[in-house]
Amino acid sequence: MPRAPRTAADPAPAATFDFEKSMADLEAVVTRLEQGDVPLEEALATFERGVGLTRACQEALASAEQKVELLLARPDGSHEAMPFHDAEDDE
């Protein structure tokens, strides 16, 4: 069965997903919409693109969190909670 073509709001396939580029694109979407000079139809399409980027970034972050959880898992199956910041960050 042929796959439906991707729309502007659909994220890129997982194999080619670039989190940093998607975040930069999302920032550009927000900036564009905050300007307020976008025609309604274009604003809706831009907003739809932003929602798609947000969802893709959230999925990427959730996946990364799962990988970190696996890496921190102890052999007995328990987990060790570790902060993500250095003591130097508190200064």
Foldseek 3Di string as FASTA:
>chain_A
DDDDDDDLQAADPPVPHDLVVLVVLLVVLVVVVVVVPDPPVVNVSSVSNNVSSVVVNVVVVVVVVVVVQVVQADPVRDGDDDDPDDPVVVD
